[in-house]
PDB file of N, CA and C in Angstrom:
ATOM      1  N   MET A   1     -36.675 -77.891  95.229  1.00  0.00           N
ATOM      2  CA  MET A   1     -37.208 -77.278  95.002  1.00  0.00           C
ATOM      3  C   MET A   1     -37.194 -76.643  93.440  1.00  0.00           C
ATOM      4  N   GLN A   2     -38.335 -76.707  92.526  1.00  0.00           N
ATOM      5  CA  GLN A   2     -37.967 -76.634  91.450  1.00  0.00           C
ATOM      6  C   GLN A   2     -39.166 -75.757  91.267  1.00  0.00           C
ATOM      7  N   LYS A   3     -37.924 -74.978  90.357  1.00  0.00           N
ATOM      8  CA  LYS A   3     -39.073 -72.816  89.887  1.00  0.00           C
ATOM      9  C   LYS A   3     -40.757 -73.701  89.250  1.00  0.00           C
ATOM     10  N   PRO A   4     -41.452 -73.596  88.889  1.00  0.00           N
ATOM     11  CA  PRO A   4     -43.028 -73.086  88.738  1.00  0.00           C
ATOM     12  C   PRO A   4     -42.555 -73.284  87.082  1.00  0.00           C
ATOM     13  N   VAL A   5     -43.049 -73.591  86.517  1.00  0.00           N
ATOM     14  CA  VAL A   5     -42.356 -73.392  85.140  1.00  0.00           C
ATOM     15  C   VAL A   5     -44.075 -72.438  84.486  1.00  0.00           C
ATOM     16  N   LYS A   6     -42.814 -71.442  83.706  1.00  0.00           N
ATOM     17  CA  LYS A   6     -44.018 -70.640  83.378  1.00  0.00           C
ATOM     18  C   LYS A   6     -45.007 -71.058  82.112  1.00  0.00           C
ATOM     19  N   VAL A   7     -46.146 -71.204  81.763  1.00  0.00           N
ATOM     20  CA  VAL A   7     -47.444 -71.526  81.183  1.00  0.00           C
ATOM     21  C   VAL A   7     -47.257 -70.080  80.147  1.00  0.00           C
ATOM     22  N   GLN A   8     -46.894 -70.182  78.913  1.00  0.00           N
ATOM     23  CA  GLN A   8     -47.124 -69.659  77.721  1.00  0.00           C
ATOM     24  C   GLN A   8     -47.944 -69.960  77.003  1.00  0.00           C
ATOM     25  N   ASP A   9     -49.376 -69.633  76.896  1.00  0.00           N
ATOM     26  CA  ASP A   9     -50.510 -69.354  76.212  1.00  0.00           C
ATOM     27  C   ASP A   9     -51.053 -68.348  75.713  1.00  0.00           C
ATOM     28  N   LYS A  10     -51.999 -67.994  75.439  1.00  0.00           N
ATOM     29  CA  LYS A  10     -52.623 -67.517  74.653  1.00  0.00           C
ATOM     30  C   LYS A  10     -52.744 -66.029  76.187  1.00  0.00           C
ATOM     31  N   TYR A  11     -52.986 -66.630  76.927  1.00  0.00           N
ATOM     32  CA  TYR A  11     -53.252 -65.574  77.718  1.00  0.00           C
ATOM     33  C   TYR A  11     -52.329 -64.883  78.428  1.00  0.00           C
ATOM     34  N   TYR A  12     -50.911 -66.063  78.834  1.00  0.00           N
ATOM     35  CA  TYR A  12     -49.897 -64.953  79.102  1.00  0.00           C
ATOM     36  C   TYR A  12     -49.932 -63.781  77.766  1.00  0.00           C
ATOM     37  N   LEU A  13     -49.345 -64.595  76.335  1.00  0.00           N
ATOM     38  CA  LEU A  13     -49.487 -63.520  75.586  1.00  0.00           C
ATOM     39  C   LEU A  13     -50.839 -62.028  75.691  1.00  0.00           C
ATOM     40  N   LYS A  14     -51.806 -62.546  75.660  1.00  0.00           N
ATOM     41  CA  LYS A  14     -52.352 -61.324  76.338  1.00  0.00           C
ATOM     42  C   LYS A  14     -52.180 -60.142  77.419  1.00  0.00           C
ATOM     43  N   SER A  15     -51.639 -60.836  78.439  1.00  0.00           N
ATOM     44  CA  SER A  15     -51.450 -60.414  79.185  1.00  0.00           C
ATOM     45  C   SER A  15     -49.659 -59.056  78.827  1.00  0.00           C
ATOM     46  N   LEU A  16     -48.804 -60.224  78.562  1.00  0.00           N
ATOM     47  CA  LEU A  16     -47.918 -59.014  77.396  1.00  0.00           C
ATOM     48  C   LEU A  16     -48.652 -57.755  76.493  1.00  0.00           C
ATOM     49  N   HIS A  17     -49.022 -58.712  75.854  1.00  0.00           N
ATOM     50  CA  HIS A  17     -49.559 -57.057  74.939  1.00  0.00           C
ATOM     51  C   HIS A  17     -50.016 -56.085  75.564  1.00  0.00           C
ATOM     52  N   GLU A  18     -50.388 -56.632  76.531  1.00  0.00           N
ATOM     53  CA  GLU A  18     -51.330 -55.581  77.698  1.00  0.00           C
ATOM     54  C   GLU A  18     -50.246 -54.321  79.131  1.00  0.00           C
ATOM     55  N   GLU A  19     -49.053 -55.666  79.454  1.00  0.00           N
ATOM     56  CA  GLU A  19     -47.963 -54.963  79.420  1.00  0.00           C
ATOM     57  C   GLU A  19     -47.823 -53.799  79.144  1.00  0.00           C
ATOM     58  N   ILE A  20     -47.155 -54.211  77.855  1.00  0.00           N
ATOM     59  CA  ILE A  20     -46.202 -53.474  76.594  1.00  0.00           C
ATOM     60  C   ILE A  20     -47.661 -52.133  76.324  1.00  0.00           C
ATOM     61  N   ASP A  21     -48.754 -52.226  75.610  1.00  0.00           N
ATOM     62  CA  ASP A  21     -49.685 -50.880  75.999  1.00  0.00           C
ATOM     63  C   ASP A  21     -49.299 -50.409  76.580  1.00  0.00           C
ATOM     64  N   LEU A  22     -49.128 -50.817  77.711  1.00  0.00           N
ATOM     65  CA  LEU A  22     -48.888 -49.935  78.944  1.00  0.00           C
ATOM     66  C   LEU A  22     -47.355 -49.432  79.334  1.00  0.00           C
ATOM     67  N   TYR A  23     -46.496 -50.017  78.891  1.00  0.00           N
ATOM     68  CA  TYR A  23     -45.166 -49.160  78.800  1.00  0.00           C
ATOM     69  C   TYR A  23     -44.877 -48.022  77.618  1.00  0.00           C
ATOM     70  N   ASP A  24     -46.221 -48.401  76.474  1.00  0.00           N
ATOM     71  CA  ASP A  24     -45.874 -47.030  75.861  1.00  0.00           C
ATOM     72  C   ASP A  24     -46.572 -45.909  76.322  1.00  0.00           C
ATOM     73  N   ARG A  25     -47.714 -46.324  76.275  1.00  0.00           N
ATOM     74  CA  ARG A  25     -48.802 -45.161  77.421  1.00  0.00           C
ATOM     75  C   ARG A  25     -47.203 -44.568  78.827  1.00  0.00           C
ATOM     76  N   LYS A  26     -46.468 -45.447  79.395  1.00  0.00           N
ATOM     77  CA  LYS A  26     -45.456 -45.049  80.354  1.00  0.00           C
ATOM     78  C   LYS A  26     -44.514 -43.627  79.799  1.00  0.00           C
ATOM     79  N   LEU A  27     -44.357 -44.507  78.656  1.00  0.00           N
ATOM     80  CA  LEU A  27     -43.669 -43.611  77.385  1.00  0.00           C
ATOM     81  C   LEU A  27     -43.746 -42.499  77.016  1.00  0.00           C
ATOM     82  N   ALA A  28     -45.113 -42.692  77.073  1.00  0.00           N
ATOM     83  CA  ALA A  28     -45.624 -41.160  76.050  1.00  0.00           C
ATOM     84  C   ALA A  28     -45.932 -40.017  76.923  1.00  0.00           C
ATOM     85  N   HIS A  29     -46.111 -40.629  78.579  1.00  0.00           N
ATOM     86  CA  HIS A  29     -46.334 -39.779  79.451  1.00  0.00           C
ATOM     87  C   HIS A  29     -44.622 -38.950  79.416  1.00  0.00           C
ATOM     88  N   MET A  30     -43.547 -39.740  80.090  1.00  0.00           N
ATOM     89  CA  MET A  30     -42.916 -40.015  80.618  1.00  0.00           C
ATOM     90  C   MET A  30     -41.942 -38.705  79.413  1.00  0.00           C
ATOM     91  N   ALA A  31     -41.974 -38.676  78.070  1.00  0.00           N
ATOM     92  CA  ALA A  31     -41.566 -37.860  77.018  1.00  0.00           C
ATOM     93  C   ALA A  31     -41.799 -36.475  76.710  1.00  0.00           C
ATOM     94  N   LYS A  32     -43.588 -36.461  77.096  1.00  0.00           N
ATOM     95  CA  LYS A  32     -44.747 -35.724  77.330  1.00  0.00           C
ATOM     96  C   LYS A  32     -44.780 -34.219  78.477  1.00  0.00           C
ATOM     97  N   TYR A  33     -44.594 -35.500  79.370  1.00  0.00           N
ATOM     98  CA  TYR A  33     -44.975 -34.348  80.573  1.00  0.00           C
ATOM     99  C   TYR A  33     -44.388 -34.269  82.011  1.00  0.00           C
ATOM    100  N   GLU A  34     -43.858 -35.246  82.216  1.00  0.00           N
ATOM    101  CA  GLU A  34     -42.703 -36.144  83.432  1.00  0.00           C
ATOM    102  C   GLU A  34     -41.619 -34.633  83.520  1.00  0.00           C
ATOM    103  N   LEU A  35     -41.186 -34.362  84.701  1.00  0.00           N
ATOM    104  CA  LEU A  35     -40.326 -33.201  84.473  1.00  0.00           C
ATOM    105  C   LEU A  35     -39.551 -33.826  84.834  1.00  0.00           C
ATOM    106  N   PHE A  36     -37.703 -33.067  84.769  1.00  0.00           N
ATOM    107  CA  PHE A  36     -36.530 -33.768  84.866  1.00  0.00           C
ATOM    108  C   PHE A  36     -35.840 -33.265  85.285  1.00  0.00           C
ATOM    109  N   ALA A  37     -34.786 -33.118  85.319  1.00  0.00           N
ATOM    110  CA  ALA A  37     -33.774 -32.277  85.534  1.00  0.00           C
ATOM    111  C   ALA A  37     -32.310 -31.582  84.463  1.00  0.00           C
ATOM    112  N   SER A  38     -32.696 -32.708  83.544  1.00  0.00           N
ATOM    113  CA  SER A  38     -32.067 -32.039  82.724  1.00  0.00           C
ATOM    114  C   SER A  38     -32.819 -33.319  81.370  1.00  0.00           C
ATOM    115  N   GLU A  39     -31.791 -32.764  80.402  1.00  0.00           N
ATOM    116  CA  GLU A  39     -32.633 -34.099  79.799  1.00  0.00           C
ATOM    117  C   GLU A  39     -31.637 -34.859  79.706  1.00  0.00           C
ATOM    118  N   ALA A  40     -30.579 -34.928  79.890  1.00  0.00           N
ATOM    119  CA  ALA A  40     -30.099 -36.324  79.552  1.00  0.00           C
ATOM    120  C   ALA A  40     -30.534 -37.089  80.695  1.00  0.00           C
ATOM    121  N   GLU A  41     -30.990 -36.607  81.919  1.00  0.00           N
ATOM    122  CA  GLU A  41     -32.159 -37.505  82.618  1.00  0.00           C
ATOM    123  C   GLU A  41     -33.250 -38.245  82.067  1.00  0.00           C
ATOM    124  N   ARG A  42     -33.160 -37.153  81.544  1.00  0.00           N
ATOM    125  CA  ARG A  42     -34.911 -37.729  80.567  1.00  0.00           C
ATOM    126  C   ARG A  42     -35.059 -39.185  79.740  1.00  0.00           C
ATOM    127  N   GLU A  43     -33.006 -38.642  78.921  1.00  0.00           N
ATOM    128  CA  GLU A  43     -32.996 -39.792  77.873  1.00  0.00           C
ATOM    129  C   GLU A  43     -33.029 -40.898  78.400  1.00  0.00           C
ATOM    130  N   THR A  44     -32.663 -40.694  79.947  1.00  0.00           N
ATOM    131  CA  THR A  44     -31.666 -42.085  80.528  1.00  0.00           C
ATOM    132  C   THR A  44     -33.634 -43.044  80.316  1.00  0.00           C
ATOM    133  N   ALA A  45     -34.028 -41.894  81.846  1.00  0.00           N
ATOM    134  CA  ALA A  45     -35.084 -42.871  82.259  1.00  0.00           C
ATOM    135  C   ALA A  45     -35.616 -43.502  81.149  1.00  0.00           C
ATOM    136  N   ILE A  46     -36.423 -42.601  80.138  1.00  0.00           N
ATOM    137  CA  ILE A  46     -36.699 -43.229  78.748  1.00  0.00           C
ATOM    138  C   ILE A  46     -36.153 -44.491  77.978  1.00  0.00           C
ATOM    139  N   GLY A  47     -34.491 -44.619  77.916  1.00  0.00           N
ATOM    140  CA  GLY A  47     -34.163 -45.266  77.397  1.00  0.00           C
ATOM    141  C   GLY A  47     -34.181 -46.746  79.031  1.00  0.00           C
ATOM    142  N   LYS A  48     -34.675 -46.902  80.016  1.00  0.00           N
ATOM    143  CA  LYS A  48     -34.612 -47.654  80.764  1.00  0.00           C
ATOM    144  C   LYS A  48     -36.051 -48.311  80.227  1.00  0.00           C
ATOM    145  N   MET A  49     -36.536 -47.300  80.422  1.00  0.00           N
ATOM    146  CA  MET A  49     -38.152 -48.144  79.668  1.00  0.00           C
ATOM    147  C   MET A  49     -38.260 -48.248  78.964  1.00  0.00           C
ATOM    148  N   THR A  50     -37.966 -47.682  77.477  1.00  0.00           N
ATOM    149  CA  THR A  50     -38.133 -48.384  75.868  1.00  0.00           C
ATOM    150  C   THR A  50     -36.988 -49.978  75.980  1.00  0.00           C
ATOM    151  N   ALA A  51     -36.150 -50.004  76.694  1.00  0.00           N
ATOM    152  CA  ALA A  51     -35.182 -51.735  76.687  1.00  0.00           C
ATOM    153  C   ALA A  51     -36.424 -51.982  77.954  1.00  0.00           C
ATOM    154  N   LYS A  52     -37.218 -51.774  78.191  1.00  0.00           N
ATOM    155  CA  LYS A  52     -37.720 -52.098  79.482  1.00  0.00           C
ATOM    156  C   LYS A  52     -38.882 -53.010  77.842  1.00  0.00           C
ATOM    157  N   ARG A  53     -39.443 -52.040  77.581  1.00  0.00           N
ATOM    158  CA  ARG A  53     -40.769 -52.391  76.744  1.00  0.00           C
ATOM    159  C   ARG A  53     -39.955 -53.503  75.523  1.00  0.00           C
ATOM    160  N   ALA A  54     -38.436 -53.363  75.159  1.00  0.00           N
ATOM    161  CA  ALA A  54     -38.107 -54.166  74.307  1.00  0.00           C
ATOM    162  C   ALA A  54     -37.625 -55.543  74.405  1.00  0.00           C
ATOM    163  N   THR A  55     -37.726 -55.565  75.971  1.00  0.00           N
ATOM    164  CA  THR A  55     -37.836 -57.106  75.665  1.00  0.00           C
ATOM    165  C   THR A  55     -39.251 -57.923  76.115  1.00  0.00           C
ATOM    166  N   LEU A  56     -40.138 -56.942  76.520  1.00  0.00           N
ATOM    167  CA  LEU A  56     -41.638 -58.172  75.806  1.00  0.00           C
ATOM    168  C   LEU A  56     -41.419 -58.219  74.888  1.00  0.00           C
ATOM    169  N   ALA A  57     -41.602 -57.405  74.026  1.00  0.00           N
ATOM    170  CA  ALA A  57     -42.275 -57.585  72.958  1.00  0.00           C
ATOM    171  C   ALA A  57     -40.916 -58.078  72.120  1.00  0.00           C
ATOM    172  N   ARG A  58     -40.410 -58.620  71.927  1.00  0.00           N
ATOM    173  CA  ARG A  58     -39.114 -59.751  71.492  1.00  0.00           C
ATOM    174  C   ARG A  58     -39.877 -60.618  71.712  1.00  0.00           C
ATOM    175  N   THR A  59     -40.611 -61.264  73.170  1.00  0.00           N
ATOM    176  CA  THR A  59     -40.993 -62.357  73.722  1.00  0.00           C
ATOM    177  C   THR A  59     -42.725 -63.037  73.128  1.00  0.00           C
ATOM    178  N   ALA A  60     -43.277 -61.279  73.787  1.00  0.00           N
ATOM    179  CA  ALA A  60     -44.258 -61.741  72.887  1.00  0.00           C
ATOM    180  C   ALA A  60     -44.682 -62.348  71.230  1.00  0.00           C
ATOM    181  N   GLN A  61     -43.009 -61.865  70.746  1.00  0.00           N
ATOM    182  CA  GLN A  61     -43.302 -61.815  68.976  1.00  0.00           C
ATOM    183  C   GLN A  61     -42.322 -63.797  68.469  1.00  0.00           C
ATOM    184  N   LYS A  62     -41.800 -63.397  70.187  1.00  0.00           N
ATOM    185  CA  LYS A  62     -41.619 -65.976  70.123  1.00  0.00           C
ATOM    186  C   LYS A  62     -42.553 -65.942  69.906  1.00  0.00           C
ATOM    187  N   LEU A  63     -43.832 -65.466  70.794  1.00  0.00           N
ATOM    188  CA  LEU A  63     -44.901 -66.463  71.434  1.00  0.00           C
ATOM    189  C   LEU A  63     -45.229 -66.599  70.125  1.00  0.00           C
ATOM    190  N   VAL A  64     -45.681 -65.899  69.010  1.00  0.00           N
ATOM    191  CA  VAL A  64     -46.434 -65.595  68.252  1.00  0.00           C
ATOM    192  C   VAL A  64     -46.040 -65.735  67.074  1.00  0.00           C
ATOM    193  N   GLU A  65     -44.470 -66.303  67.359  1.00  0.00           N
ATOM    194  CA  GLU A  65     -43.420 -66.999  65.936  1.00  0.00           C
ATOM    195  C   GLU A  65     -43.944 -68.602  66.145  1.00  0.00           C
ATOM    196  N   ASP A  66     -44.592 -68.895  67.224  1.00  0.00           N
ATOM    197  CA  ASP A  66     -43.869 -69.952  68.149  1.00  0.00           C
ATOM    198  C   ASP A  66     -45.655 -70.436  67.545  1.00  0.00           C
ATOM    199  N   GLY A  67     -46.717 -70.057  66.965  1.00  0.00           N
ATOM    200  CA  GLY A  67     -48.497 -70.007  67.151  1.00  0.00           C
ATOM    201  C   GLY A  67     -49.168 -70.463  68.202  1.00  0.00           C
ATOM    202  N   VAL A  68     -48.492 -69.052  69.272  1.00  0.00           N
ATOM    203  CA  VAL A  68     -49.835 -68.537  70.148  1.00  0.00           C
ATOM    204  C   VAL A  68     -50.535 -68.177  69.415  1.00  0.00           C
ATOM    205  N   GLU A  69     -52.154 -68.575  69.633  1.00  0.00           N
ATOM    206  CA  GLU A  69     -53.046 -67.631  68.466  1.00  0.00           C
ATOM    207  C   GLU A  69     -53.228 -66.433  69.630  1.00  0.00           C
ATOM    208  N   PHE A  70     -53.552 -65.791  68.710  1.00  0.00           N
ATOM    209  CA  PHE A  70     -54.415 -63.967  69.654  1.00  0.00           C
ATOM    210  C   PHE A  70     -55.341 -63.217  68.986  1.00  0.00           C
ATOM    211  N   HIS A  71     -55.883 -62.014  69.692  1.00  0.00           N
ATOM    212  CA  HIS A  71     -57.005 -61.781  68.463  1.00  0.00           C
ATOM    213  C   HIS A  71     -56.246 -60.573  68.194  1.00  0.00           C
ATOM    214  N   PRO A  72     -56.679 -60.062  67.095  1.00  0.00           N
ATOM    215  CA  PRO A  72     -56.066 -58.448  66.492  1.00  0.00           C
ATOM    216  C   PRO A  72     -56.515 -57.490  67.561  1.00  0.00           C
ATOM    217  N   SER A  73     -57.373 -57.461  68.484  1.00  0.00           N
ATOM    218  CA  SER A  73     -57.743 -56.247  68.860  1.00  0.00           C
ATOM    219  C   SER A  73     -56.786 -56.251  70.653  1.00  0.00           C
ATOM    220  N   ASP A  74     -56.383 -57.514  71.118  1.00  0.00           N
ATOM    221  CA  ASP A  74     -55.402 -57.552  71.897  1.00  0.00           C
ATOM    222  C   ASP A  74     -54.996 -57.098  71.588  1.00  0.00           C
ATOM    223  N   LEU A  75     -53.906 -56.827  70.396  1.00  0.00           N
ATOM    224  CA  LEU A  75     -52.908 -56.227  69.808  1.00  0.00           C
ATOM    225  C   LEU A  75     -52.239 -55.035  70.710  1.00  0.00           C
ATOM    226  N   PRO A  76     -50.992 -53.972  71.300  1.00  0.00           N
ATOM    227  CA  PRO A  76     -50.862 -53.484  71.319  1.00  0.00           C
ATOM    228  C   PRO A  76     -51.454 -51.713  70.174  1.00  0.00           C
ATOM    229  N   ARG A  77     -51.361 -50.951  70.685  1.00  0.00           N
ATOM    230  CA  ARG A  77     -51.992 -49.560  70.001  1.00  0.00           C
ATOM    231  C   ARG A  77     -50.638 -49.705  68.489  1.00  0.00           C
ATOM    232  N   SER A  78     -49.523 -49.546  69.056  1.00  0.00           N
ATOM    233  CA  SER A  78     -48.037 -49.405  68.636  1.00  0.00           C
ATOM    234  C   SER A  78     -47.496 -50.756  67.533  1.00  0.00           C
ATOM    235  N   PHE A  79     -48.471 -52.067  67.529  1.00  0.00           N
ATOM    236  CA  PHE A  79     -48.183 -52.929  67.194  1.00  0.00           C
ATOM    237  C   PHE A  79     -49.349 -53.248  66.094  1.00  0.00           C
ATOM    238  N   ARG A  80     -50.402 -52.060  65.798  1.00  0.00           N
ATOM    239  CA  ARG A  80     -51.237 -52.844  65.383  1.00  0.00           C
ATOM    240  C   ARG A  80     -51.182 -51.060  63.969  1.00  0.00           C
ATOM    241  N   PRO A  81     -51.902 -52.490  63.148  1.00  0.00           N
ATOM    242  CA  PRO A  81     -51.613 -51.082  61.676  1.00  0.00           C
ATOM    243  C   PRO A  81     -51.887 -49.458  61.768  1.00  0.00           C
ATOM    244  N   GLN A  82     -51.048 -48.859  61.143  1.00  0.00           N
ATOM    245  CA  GLN A  82     -51.214 -47.689  61.244  1.00  0.00           C
ATOM    246  C   GLN A  82     -52.889 -47.130  60.512  1.00  0.00           C
ATOM    247  N   THR A  83     -53.209 -47.609  59.476  1.00  0.00           N
ATOM    248  CA  THR A  83     -54.530 -47.352  59.155  1.00  0.00           C
ATOM    249  C   THR A  83     -55.961 -48.088  60.288  1.00  0.00           C
ATOM    250  N   GLU A  84     -55.679 -49.180  60.834  1.00  0.00           N
ATOM    251  CA  GLU A  84     -56.696 -48.915  62.031  1.00  0.00           C
ATOM    252  C   GLU A  84     -56.352 -47.551  62.738  1.00  0.00           C
ATOM    253  N   SER A  85     -55.707 -47.755  63.883  1.00  0.00           N
ATOM    254  CA  SER A  85     -55.707 -46.775  64.459  1.00  0.00           C
ATOM    255  C   SER A  85     -55.989 -45.382  64.117  1.00  0.00           C
ATOM    256  N   THR A  86     -55.680 -45.043  63.405  1.00  0.00           N
ATOM    257  CA  THR A  86     -56.436 -43.432  62.642  1.00  0.00           C
ATOM    258  C   THR A  86     -58.138 -44.123  61.966  1.00  0.00           C
ATOM    259  N   GLU A  87     -58.802 -45.126  61.694  1.00  0.00           N
ATOM    260  CA  GLU A  87     -59.687 -45.096  61.671  1.00  0.00           C
ATOM    261  C   GLU A  87     -60.444 -44.925  62.626  1.00  0.00           C
ATOM    262  N   HIS A  88     -60.354 -45.361  64.297  1.00  0.00           N
ATOM    263  CA  HIS A  88     -60.954 -45.709  65.783  1.00  0.00           C
ATOM    264  C   HIS A  88     -60.646 -43.595  65.621  1.00  0.00           C
ATOM    265  N   ALA A  89     -59.682 -43.700  65.897  1.00  0.00           N
ATOM    266  CA  ALA A  89     -60.020 -41.780  65.674  1.00  0.00           C
ATOM    267  C   ALA A  89     -61.115 -40.756  64.854  1.00  0.00           C
ATOM    268  N   ASN A  90     -61.161 -41.068  64.395  1.00  0.00           N
ATOM    269  CA  ASN A  90     -61.918 -40.662  62.616  1.00  0.00           C
ATOM    270  C   ASN A  90     -63.503 -41.068  63.966  1.00  0.00           C
ATOM    271  N   ILE A  91     -63.357 -41.689  64.432  1.00  0.00           N
ATOM    272  CA  ILE A  91     -65.137 -42.322  65.306  1.00  0.00           C
ATOM    273  C   ILE A  91     -64.738 -41.548  65.951  1.00  0.00           C
ATOM    274  N   ALA A  92     -64.246 -41.048  66.975  1.00  0.00           N
ATOM    275  CA  ALA A  92     -63.897 -40.544  67.996  1.00  0.00           C
ATOM    276  C   ALA A  92     -64.460 -39.510  67.680  1.00  0.00           C
TER     277      ALA A  92
END
């Protein structure tokens, strides 16, 4: 039995971007609100989550370099230029 080949197209890239955005939100919540027994445990948990996010980010970057198309609006907030995110904050 062969493993099915992962289809790495624009839809896969979009889901990667959504997952990266989710990890960004999880990291922000963990850093600000999550309760840990010690600061060392907090740093360990944040480190693990950051490593998972970095793997996703590398995969997404590779797909972009390979020429997979995407819409700029699909980018995670952490990948967007800083000026764009402040414009949306001023609108709200």
